[in-house]
Structure formats: structure tokens, C-alpha cells
C-alpha atoms as a PDB file:
ATOM      1  CA  MET A   1      -0.147 -15.494  15.568  1.00  0.00           C
ATOM      2  CA  THR A   2       3.127 -17.201  14.011  1.00  0.00           C
ATOM      3  CA  SER A   3       6.234 -16.314  15.673  1.00  0.00           C
ATOM      4  CA  TYR A   4       7.114 -14.304  12.547  1.00  0.00           C
ATOM      5  CA  GLU A   5       3.754 -12.266  13.441  1.00  0.00           C
ATOM      6  CA  PHE A   6       5.034 -12.083  16.811  1.00  0.00           C
ATOM      7  CA  MET A   7       8.284 -10.328  15.857  1.00  0.00           C
ATOM      8  CA  ARG A   8       6.678  -8.038  13.355  1.00  0.00           C
ATOM      9  CA  TRP A   9       4.021  -6.822  15.674  1.00  0.00           C
ATOM     10  CA  LEU A  10       7.011  -6.363  17.967  1.00  0.00           C
ATOM     11  CA  THR A  11       8.543  -3.971  15.612  1.00  0.00           C
ATOM     12  CA  PHE A  12       5.926  -1.804  14.124  1.00  0.00           C
ATOM     13  CA  PRO A  13       6.625   0.842  15.910  1.00  0.00           C
ATOM     14  CA  LEU A  14       9.913   1.313  14.183  1.00  0.00           C
ATOM     15  CA  MET A  15       8.053   0.733  10.522  1.00  0.00           C
ATOM     16  CA  THR A  16       8.727   3.954   8.626  1.00  0.00           C
ATOM     17  CA  THR A  17       6.303   6.589   8.629  1.00  0.00           C
ATOM     18  CA  HIS A  18       4.232   5.670   5.306  1.00  0.00           C
ATOM     19  CA  LEU A  19       3.468   1.806   6.634  1.00  0.00           C
ATOM     20  CA  VAL A  20       2.516   3.131   9.992  1.00  0.00           C
ATOM     21  CA  VAL A  21      -0.110   5.435   8.576  1.00  0.00           C
ATOM     22  CA  VAL A  22      -1.113   2.738   5.635  1.00  0.00           C
ATOM     23  CA  ARG A  23      -1.444   0.016   8.811  1.00  0.00           C
ATOM     24  CA  ASN A  24      -3.225   2.936  10.884  1.00  0.00           C
ATOM     25  CA  ASP A  25      -5.439   3.684   8.211  1.00  0.00           C
ATOM     26  CA  ILE A  26      -6.641   0.046   7.535  1.00  0.00           C
ATOM     27  CA  LYS A  27      -7.201  -1.003  10.981  1.00  0.00           C
ATOM     28  CA  ARG A  28      -9.266   1.866  11.408  1.00  0.00           C
ATOM     29  CA  LEU A  29     -11.714   1.420   8.062  1.00  0.00           C
ATOM     30  CA  LEU A  30     -11.887  -2.289   9.212  1.00  0.00           C
ATOM     31  CA  LYS A  31     -13.033  -1.240  12.678  1.00  0.00           C
ATOM     32  CA  THR A  32     -15.608   1.745  10.976  1.00  0.00           C
ATOM     33  CA  HIS A  33     -16.875  -1.070   8.387  1.00  0.00           C
ATOM     34  CA  THR A  34     -16.810  -3.977  10.526  1.00  0.00           C
ATOM     35  CA  SER A  35     -19.333  -5.439  12.920  1.00  0.00           C
ATOM     36  CA  SER A  36     -18.173  -7.704  15.673  1.00  0.00           C
ATOM     37  CA  ASN A  37     -19.460 -11.083  13.912  1.00  0.00           C
ATOM     38  CA  PHE A  38     -18.294 -10.177  10.930  1.00  0.00           C
ATOM     39  CA  ARG A  39     -15.221 -10.771   9.398  1.00  0.00           C
ATOM     40  CA  MET A  40     -14.369  -8.910   6.413  1.00  0.00           C
ATOM     41  CA  SER A  41     -12.250  -9.978   3.144  1.00  0.00           C
ATOM     42  CA  ILE A  42      -9.392  -7.500   1.374  1.00  0.00           C
ATOM     43  CA  LEU A  43      -8.098  -8.169  -1.508  1.00  0.00           C
ATOM     44  CA  ASP A  44      -4.718  -6.755  -1.424  1.00  0.00           C
ATOM     45  CA  VAL A  45      -3.088  -5.673  -5.011  1.00  0.00           C
ATOM     46  CA  GLY A  46       0.320  -5.784  -5.502  1.00  0.00           C
ATOM     47  CA  GLY A  47       1.284  -6.612  -1.953  1.00  0.00           C
ATOM     48  CA  ARG A  48       3.336  -9.654  -1.754  1.00  0.00           C
ATOM     49  CA  LYS A  49       4.608  -9.312   1.897  1.00  0.00           C
ATOM     50  CA  SER A  50       2.135  -7.031   2.190  1.00  0.00           C
ATOM     51  CA  PRO A  51       3.633  -5.632   6.129  1.00  0.00           C
ATOM     52  CA  TYR A  52       0.837  -3.456   6.974  1.00  0.00           C
ATOM     53  CA  THR A  53      -2.179  -6.130   6.652  1.00  0.00           C
ATOM     54  CA  ILE A  54       0.220  -8.802   8.796  1.00  0.00           C
ATOM     55  CA  HIS A  55      -2.295  -9.828  11.740  1.00  0.00           C
ATOM     56  CA  VAL A  56      -5.293  -7.057  10.917  1.00  0.00           C
ATOM     57  CA  PRO A  57      -8.616  -8.941  11.529  1.00  0.00           C
ATOM     58  CA  ALA A  58      -9.511  -9.586   8.143  1.00  0.00           C
ATOM     59  CA  ASP A  59      -9.086 -12.473   5.933  1.00  0.00           C
ATOM     60  CA  VAL A  60      -6.435 -11.494   3.226  1.00  0.00           C
ATOM     61  CA  THR A  61      -6.022 -12.368  -0.567  1.00  0.00           C
ATOM     62  CA  LEU A  62      -2.942 -11.448  -2.349  1.00  0.00           C
ATOM     63  CA  LEU A  63      -2.902 -10.705  -5.606  1.00  0.00           C
ATOM     64  CA  ASP A  64       0.122  -9.989  -7.746  1.00  0.00           C
ATOM     65  CA  VAL A  65       1.675 -10.464 -11.234  1.00  0.00           C
ATOM     66  CA  PRO A  66       4.253 -13.162 -11.681  1.00  0.00           C
ATOM     67  CA  GLN A  67       8.132 -11.850 -11.569  1.00  0.00           C
ATOM     68  CA  GLU A  68       9.994 -11.647 -14.636  1.00  0.00           C
ATOM     69  CA  SER A  69      13.382 -10.873 -15.393  1.00  0.00           C
ATOM     70  CA  GLY A  70      14.189  -7.723 -16.040  1.00  0.00           C
ATOM     71  CA  THR A  71      13.479  -4.754 -13.722  1.00  0.00           C
ATOM     72  CA  LYS A  72      10.686  -6.650 -11.811  1.00  0.00           C
ATOM     73  CA  GLN A  73      13.172  -9.297 -10.243  1.00  0.00           C
ATOM     74  CA  ALA A  74      15.512  -6.438 -10.099  1.00  0.00           C
ATOM     75  CA  LEU A  75      13.085  -4.751  -7.863  1.00  0.00           C
ATOM     76  CA  ASN A  76      11.973  -7.494  -5.654  1.00  0.00           C
ATOM     77  CA  LEU A  77       8.288  -7.094  -7.437  1.00  0.00           C
ATOM     78  CA  GLY A  78       5.748  -9.704  -8.491  1.00  0.00           C
ATOM     79  CA  PHE A  79       5.350 -13.353  -7.526  1.00  0.00           C
ATOM     80  CA  THR A  80       7.102 -16.576  -7.154  1.00  0.00           C
ATOM     81  CA  ASP A  81       7.072 -19.917  -6.220  1.00  0.00           C
ATOM     82  CA  SER A  82       9.203 -19.270  -3.216  1.00  0.00           C
ATOM     83  CA  ILE A  83       7.790 -16.165  -2.192  1.00  0.00           C
ATOM     84  CA  LEU A  84       4.366 -17.683  -2.078  1.00  0.00           C
ATOM     85  CA  THR A  85       5.344 -20.785  -0.017  1.00  0.00           C
ATOM     86  CA  THR A  86       6.816 -18.105   2.511  1.00  0.00           C
ATOM     87  CA  ILE A  87       4.467 -16.189   2.603  1.00  0.00           C
ATOM     88  CA  GLN A  88       1.923 -18.888   3.597  1.00  0.00           C
ATOM     89  CA  LYS A  89       3.747 -20.612   6.280  1.00  0.00           C
ATOM     90  CA  LYS A  90       4.491 -17.062   8.183  1.00  0.00           C
ATOM     91  CA  ARG A  91       1.140 -15.466   7.985  1.00  0.00           C
ATOM     92  CA  SER A  92      -1.934 -16.678   9.526  1.00  0.00           C
ATOM     93  CA  ASN A  93      -4.822 -14.380   7.729  1.00  0.00           C
ATOM     94  CA  ILE A  94      -3.527 -15.136   4.246  1.00  0.00           C
ATOM     95  CA  SER A  95      -6.787 -16.811   2.959  1.00  0.00           C
ATOM     96  CA  ASP A  96      -5.692 -17.125  -1.024  1.00  0.00           C
ATOM     97  CA  VAL A  97      -2.662 -15.718  -3.261  1.00  0.00           C
ATOM     98  CA  ILE A  98      -3.318 -14.945  -6.755  1.00  0.00           C
ATOM     99  CA  ILE A  99      -1.042 -14.971  -9.643  1.00  0.00           C
ATOM    100  CA  GLN A 100      -2.812 -12.252 -11.916  1.00  0.00           C
ATOM    101  CA  ASP A 101      -2.607  -8.771 -13.974  1.00  0.00           C
ATOM    102  CA  MET A 102      -5.366  -6.801 -12.331  1.00  0.00           C
ATOM    103  CA  THR A 103      -5.921  -4.832 -15.632  1.00  0.00           C
ATOM    104  CA  HIS A 104      -6.875  -8.401 -16.773  1.00  0.00           C
ATOM    105  CA  SER A 105      -8.731  -9.290 -13.918  1.00  0.00           C
ATOM    106  CA  SER A 106     -11.304 -12.731 -14.342  1.00  0.00           C
ATOM    107  CA  LEU A 107     -12.521 -12.597 -10.898  1.00  0.00           C
ATOM    108  CA  PRO A 108     -16.096 -11.883 -10.066  1.00  0.00           C
ATOM    109  CA  ALA A 109     -17.597  -8.733  -9.438  1.00  0.00           C
ATOM    110  CA  GLY A 110     -18.432  -8.115  -5.389  1.00  0.00           C
ATOM    111  CA  SER A 111     -15.863 -10.705  -4.479  1.00  0.00           C
ATOM    112  CA  TYR A 112     -14.096  -8.619  -1.966  1.00  0.00           C
ATOM    113  CA  ASP A 113     -15.697  -6.199   1.159  1.00  0.00           C
ATOM    114  CA  ALA A 114     -12.445  -4.239   0.290  1.00  0.00           C
ATOM    115  CA  VAL A 115      -8.842  -3.359  -1.698  1.00  0.00           C
ATOM    116  CA  VAL A 116      -5.768  -2.284  -0.650  1.00  0.00           C
ATOM    117  CA  SER A 117      -3.473  -0.898  -3.637  1.00  0.00           C
ATOM    118  CA  ILE A 118      -0.108   0.615  -1.940  1.00  0.00           C
ATOM    119  CA  GLU A 119       2.293   2.112  -4.078  1.00  0.00           C
ATOM    120  CA  VAL A 120       1.436  -0.061  -7.218  1.00  0.00           C
ATOM    121  CA  ILE A 121      -0.936   2.758  -9.263  1.00  0.00           C
ATOM    122  CA  GLU A 122       2.402   4.761 -10.796  1.00  0.00           C
ATOM    123  CA  HIS A 123       2.994   1.332 -12.284  1.00  0.00           C
ATOM    124  CA  VAL A 124       0.393   0.544 -14.033  1.00  0.00           C
ATOM    125  CA  GLU A 125       0.258   1.591 -17.680  1.00  0.00           C
ATOM    126  CA  ALA A 126      -3.301   0.919 -17.839  1.00  0.00           C
ATOM    127  CA  ASP A 127      -4.379   3.022 -15.077  1.00  0.00           C
ATOM    128  CA  ASP A 128      -8.387   2.913 -16.208  1.00  0.00           C
ATOM    129  CA  LEU A 129      -8.799  -0.452 -16.740  1.00  0.00           C
ATOM    130  CA  PHE A 130      -6.395  -0.760 -13.185  1.00  0.00           C
ATOM    131  CA  VAL A 131      -9.058   1.302 -11.238  1.00  0.00           C
ATOM    132  CA  LYS A 132     -12.170  -0.707 -13.168  1.00  0.00           C
ATOM    133  CA  HIS A 133     -11.627  -3.878 -12.348  1.00  0.00           C
ATOM    134  CA  ILE A 134     -10.689  -2.924  -8.531  1.00  0.00           C
ATOM    135  CA  ALA A 135     -14.160  -1.183  -7.992  1.00  0.00           C
ATOM    136  CA  GLN A 136     -15.590  -4.172  -9.748  1.00  0.00           C
ATOM    137  CA  VAL A 137     -14.530  -6.985  -7.132  1.00  0.00           C
ATOM    138  CA  ILE A 138     -15.566  -4.686  -4.402  1.00  0.00           C
ATOM    139  CA  LYS A 139     -18.760  -5.383  -3.009  1.00  0.00           C
ATOM    140  CA  LYS A 140     -21.567  -2.144  -2.544  1.00  0.00           C
ATOM    141  CA  GLY A 141     -20.699  -0.631   0.665  1.00  0.00           C
ATOM    142  CA  GLY A 142     -16.828  -1.725   0.349  1.00  0.00           C
ATOM    143  CA  TRP A 143     -13.885   0.582   0.036  1.00  0.00           C
ATOM    144  CA  ALA A 144     -10.953   0.882  -1.845  1.00  0.00           C
ATOM    145  CA  TYR A 145      -7.126   2.479  -0.352  1.00  0.00           C
ATOM    146  CA  PHE A 146      -4.486   3.504  -2.343  1.00  0.00           C
ATOM    147  CA  THR A 147      -1.455   5.141  -1.910  1.00  0.00           C
ATOM    148  CA  THR A 148       0.687   6.738  -4.446  1.00  0.00           C
ATOM    149  CA  PRO A 149       3.874   8.961  -4.754  1.00  0.00           C
ATOM    150  CA  ASN A 150       2.466  12.420  -4.395  1.00  0.00           C
ATOM    151  CA  GLY A 151       2.751  13.782  -7.980  1.00  0.00           C
ATOM    152  CA  ASP A 152       2.096  17.578  -6.635  1.00  0.00           C
ATOM    153  CA  PHE A 153       6.108  17.617  -4.921  1.00  0.00           C
ATOM    154  CA  ILE A 154       7.445  14.707  -7.051  1.00  0.00           C
ATOM    155  CA  LYS A 155       7.527  14.898 -10.394  1.00  0.00           C
ATOM    156  CA  ASN A 156       9.229  11.551 -12.110  1.00  0.00           C
ATOM    157  CA  GLU A 157      10.754  13.522 -14.811  1.00  0.00           C
ATOM    158  CA  GLY A 158      14.356  14.293 -16.058  1.00  0.00           C
ATOM    159  CA  PRO A 159      17.669  12.792 -14.433  1.00  0.00           C
ATOM    160  CA  GLY A 160      16.212  11.330 -11.522  1.00  0.00           C
ATOM    161  CA  ARG A 161      13.083   9.660 -12.789  1.00  0.00           C
ATOM    162  CA  ASN A 162      12.285   6.540 -11.747  1.00  0.00           C
ATOM    163  CA  PRO A 163      11.848   4.167 -14.740  1.00  0.00           C
ATOM    164  CA  ASP A 164       9.091   2.276 -13.115  1.00  0.00           C
ATOM    165  CA  HIS A 165       6.891   4.362 -12.673  1.00  0.00           C
ATOM    166  CA  VAL A 166       5.036   5.242 -15.470  1.00  0.00           C
ATOM    167  CA  ARG A 167       3.398   8.093 -13.909  1.00  0.00           C
ATOM    168  CA  HIS A 168       2.969  10.411 -10.617  1.00  0.00           C
ATOM    169  CA  TYR A 169      -0.500  11.611 -10.220  1.00  0.00           C
ATOM    170  CA  THR A 170      -1.203  14.936  -8.662  1.00  0.00           C
ATOM    171  CA  ARG A 171      -3.963  14.930  -6.262  1.00  0.00           C
ATOM    172  CA  GLN A 172      -6.478  16.425  -8.496  1.00  0.00           C
ATOM    173  CA  GLU A 173      -5.820  13.576 -10.954  1.00  0.00           C
ATOM    174  CA  LEU A 174      -5.876  10.936  -8.868  1.00  0.00           C
ATOM    175  CA  HIS A 175      -9.320  12.070  -7.737  1.00  0.00           C
ATOM    176  CA  ASP A 176     -10.472  12.337 -10.898  1.00  0.00           C
ATOM    177  CA  LEU A 177      -9.097   8.936 -12.033  1.00  0.00           C
ATOM    178  CA  LEU A 178     -11.322   7.199  -8.830  1.00  0.00           C
ATOM    179  CA  SER A 179     -14.461   9.103  -9.003  1.00  0.00           C
ATOM    180  CA  GLN A 180     -15.195   7.740 -12.681  1.00  0.00           C
ATOM    181  CA  TYR A 181     -15.630   4.283 -10.682  1.00  0.00           C
ATOM    182  CA  PHE A 182     -16.343   5.257  -7.022  1.00  0.00           C
ATOM    183  CA  ASP A 183     -19.316   7.235  -5.523  1.00  0.00           C
ATOM    184  CA  ALA A 184     -17.024   8.848  -2.903  1.00  0.00           C
ATOM    185  CA  VAL A 185     -13.343   9.571  -3.201  1.00  0.00           C
ATOM    186  CA  ASP A 186     -11.121  11.395  -0.068  1.00  0.00           C
ATOM    187  CA  VAL A 187      -7.059  12.021  -1.315  1.00  0.00           C
ATOM    188  CA  HIS A 188      -4.652  13.824   1.213  1.00  0.00           C
ATOM    189  CA  TYR A 189      -1.131  14.172   1.328  1.00  0.00           C
ATOM    190  CA  ALA A 190       1.047  11.797   3.790  1.00  0.00           C
ATOM    191  CA  VAL A 191       4.710  11.512   5.115  1.00  0.00           C
ATOM    192  CA  SER A 192       6.947  14.366   5.440  1.00  0.00           C
ATOM    193  CA  THR A 193       9.857  14.284   3.013  1.00  0.00           C
ATOM    194  CA  GLY A 194      13.130  15.848   4.189  1.00  0.00           C
ATOM    195  CA  THR A 195      16.337  14.297   5.445  1.00  0.00           C
ATOM    196  CA  TYR A 196      15.024  13.158   8.408  1.00  0.00           C
ATOM    197  CA  ARG A 197      12.866  10.810   5.983  1.00  0.00           C
ATOM    198  CA  VAL A 198      15.786   9.571   3.911  1.00  0.00           C
ATOM    199  CA  TRP A 199      17.342   8.732   7.427  1.00  0.00           C
ATOM    200  CA  SER A 200      14.058   6.578   8.033  1.00  0.00           C
ATOM    201  CA  LEU A 201      14.197   4.310   4.546  1.00  0.00           C
ATOM    202  CA  GLN A 202      17.907   2.592   5.826  1.00  0.00           C
ATOM    203  CA  SER A 203      17.526  -0.965   6.872  1.00  0.00           C
ATOM    204  CA  LEU A 204      17.509  -1.360  10.714  1.00  0.00           C
ATOM    205  CA  LYS A 205      19.069  -4.700  10.064  1.00  0.00           C
ATOM    206  CA  THR A 206      22.407  -2.474   9.317  1.00  0.00           C
ATOM    207  CA  ILE A 207      25.022  -3.610  11.521  1.00  0.00           C
ATOM    208  CA  ASN A 208      26.792  -0.452  11.711  1.00  0.00           C
ATOM    209  CA  PRO A 209      25.466   1.306  15.157  1.00  0.00           C
ATOM    210  CA  ILE A 210      26.035   4.891  13.754  1.00  0.00           C
ATOM    211  CA  LYS A 211      23.456   3.622  10.686  1.00  0.00           C
ATOM    212  CA  PHE A 212      20.967   1.773  13.028  1.00  0.00           C
ATOM    213  CA  MET A 213      20.650   5.039  15.114  1.00  0.00           C
ATOM    214  CA  GLN A 214      20.506   7.134  12.218  1.00  0.00           C
ATOM    215  CA  SER A 215      17.894   5.032  10.712  1.00  0.00           C
ATOM    216  CA  LEU A 216      16.070   4.966  14.468  1.00  0.00           C
ATOM    217  CA  LEU A 217      16.179   8.672  15.192  1.00  0.00           C
ATOM    218  CA  GLY A 218      14.910   9.413  11.658  1.00  0.00           C
ATOM    219  CA  THR A 219      11.395   7.021  11.834  1.00  0.00           C
ATOM    220  CA  LEU A 220      10.739   8.813  15.126  1.00  0.00           C
ATOM    221  CA  VAL A 221      11.329  12.696  14.038  1.00  0.00           C
ATOM    222  CA  ASN A 222       9.811  12.002  10.702  1.00  0.00           C
ATOM    223  CA  ARG A 223       6.376  10.693  12.413  1.00  0.00           C
ATOM    224  CA  TYR A 224       6.646  13.733  14.350  1.00  0.00           C
ATOM    225  CA  GLN A 225       7.145  15.816  11.578  1.00  0.00           C
ATOM    226  CA  SER A 226       4.428  14.030   9.396  1.00  0.00           C
ATOM    227  CA  LYS A 227       1.540  15.104  11.321  1.00  0.00           C
ATOM    228  CA  GLY A 228      -0.938  17.286  10.076  1.00  0.00           C
ATOM    229  CA  VAL A 229       0.075  17.290   6.552  1.00  0.00           C
ATOM    230  CA  GLU A 230      -3.055  15.894   4.916  1.00  0.00           C
ATOM    231  CA  GLN A 231      -3.210  19.564   3.101  1.00  0.00           C
ATOM    232  CA  ARG A 232       0.135  20.280   2.492  1.00  0.00           C
ATOM    233  CA  SER A 233       1.026  19.249  -0.831  1.00  0.00           C
ATOM    234  CA  GLN A 234       5.026  20.575  -0.845  1.00  0.00           C
ATOM    235  CA  ASN A 235       7.420  18.565   1.009  1.00  0.00           C
ATOM    236  CA  THR A 236       4.752  15.297   1.156  1.00  0.00           C
ATOM    237  CA  ALA A 237       5.932  12.044  -0.587  1.00  0.00           C
ATOM    238  CA  HIS A 238       2.766  10.048  -0.768  1.00  0.00           C
ATOM    239  CA  LEU A 239      -0.879  10.792  -1.554  1.00  0.00           C
ATOM    240  CA  VAL A 240      -2.954   8.566   0.198  1.00  0.00           C
ATOM    241  CA  ALA A 241      -6.758   8.072  -1.425  1.00  0.00           C
ATOM    242  CA  VAL A 242      -9.914   6.087   0.067  1.00  0.00           C
ATOM    243  CA  ALA A 243     -12.898   5.470  -2.323  1.00  0.00           C
ATOM    244  CA  TYR A 244     -16.210   4.324  -1.528  1.00  0.00           C
ATOM    245  CA  LYS A 245     -19.127   2.390  -3.153  1.00  0.00           C
ATOM    246  CA  ASP A 246     -22.133   3.116  -2.398  1.00  0.00           C
ATOM    247  CA  HIS A 247     -24.927   0.490  -0.777  1.00  0.00           C
END
């Protein structure tokens, strides 16, 4: 464990509800599908810093598009040489880093045991190709894990529209898309919305003690509020999907 991983391990309980859900889900999937003498390979599509896979017992390959000027740079999306160097120094379970657009993937079929793609698919214009190529690189018996904004509740339209999001999926839309390329798909809701979630999204690095305590309180309360919301379409922020390939 690197010093960076150790510090992140100490602060995992303070992560936002969404990242805690993702990390716990990935650890559960790894435990369910991994034998004691086998280490899974995970392709993290669009993960970049990938806080949810820090020190998980798997060999992680990070894949992202090159960072370009404009929206991607402003939102700190994609890879740059400096980002790659920093990641490889900080992380002990990164087996490879690939700069590539998944909609034009050249990766061999059946290259990975699993794929994770966190808050990425809503940015992708060619979402059908994106999912198709993800399914292709997964070995038989493997799985893919996606999260994306909950389009049943958070509409990406009007004055508040996010210009970097192509679409927000409803639960049924995401299920139908994934079902074209996977044999079994589960889609459910995650993370309660509201004041406490907004508070939790504030940085804990702030030097303002009131803001720090507000963020910490928001995280703890939102964690509690988000229990048992898997079937609640309203007032939830995210969709979580797990898609499986048969043996």
C-alpha cells in the first residue's frame, strides 16, 4: 500500500455516498466472482483517478480519452501525461493505462474479467457502440458495472441542462440498452437527493470550519438517507446497473 492509498483508506468513510456505494458494490462483485487463488482484471473506462478502485484486490487498467482544450479541460476530464505519471506513482494496483476512446476500441475481445464505468455513459454520443465494445472486451462469465444520473428524476433539459451530458437515462432506457449486449441486467436507483446531499458534495479540504462541518454532516446524513432507495425513482440522484455475460 502506497502512502497515498493509506491516506485514502483512512478517509474512505468520509467519501460521498455515491463513491461509497460504488466502492462497496465493486468489492462485493469481486468477492462473489473471485476464488482465493485468482486475481481479477478490471478495465476502468473513464476512471482516470478512479477513487473507488484504490487498493481493491484486482489488477486495474485505466482507460480514458486524451484531455483536450475546452469542456474536457475545464471539467478536468480525460488523460494528460502529467495525470498518467501521478497516477502510476500513487497507485499499487494499476496494471496499465490506456488512452483511447471506447467507442473506437481496438482492445482484443475477452481481455478483462470485468469493466467499471462510473458517470461516463451520459457523456457519450455513440452510447450503443460504447456498450457494445465494453461487452466485447469482457470474458465469458464476467460483468460490467455502470452508474449514471437518474433520468427518471433529474432531467437534462432547460436552463439547468449540463452541456457536457448527452442524455440522462431512465431506468428502463438503460436496461434496454444494456440488454442488447448482456445476458442479464439489473438496474436500480441510488443516493437520496436533497439538502444533505448538496452539503456532502462540498470539498472537505475547505479551510472554513463551518463549511467543513456542514460537508461532514451532509455526508453522514445522506449516507443514512440513501439506505433502501433501490426502487425509488423520485428524489434519487443515480442509476446503478450491473450487467452479466453468461459462461
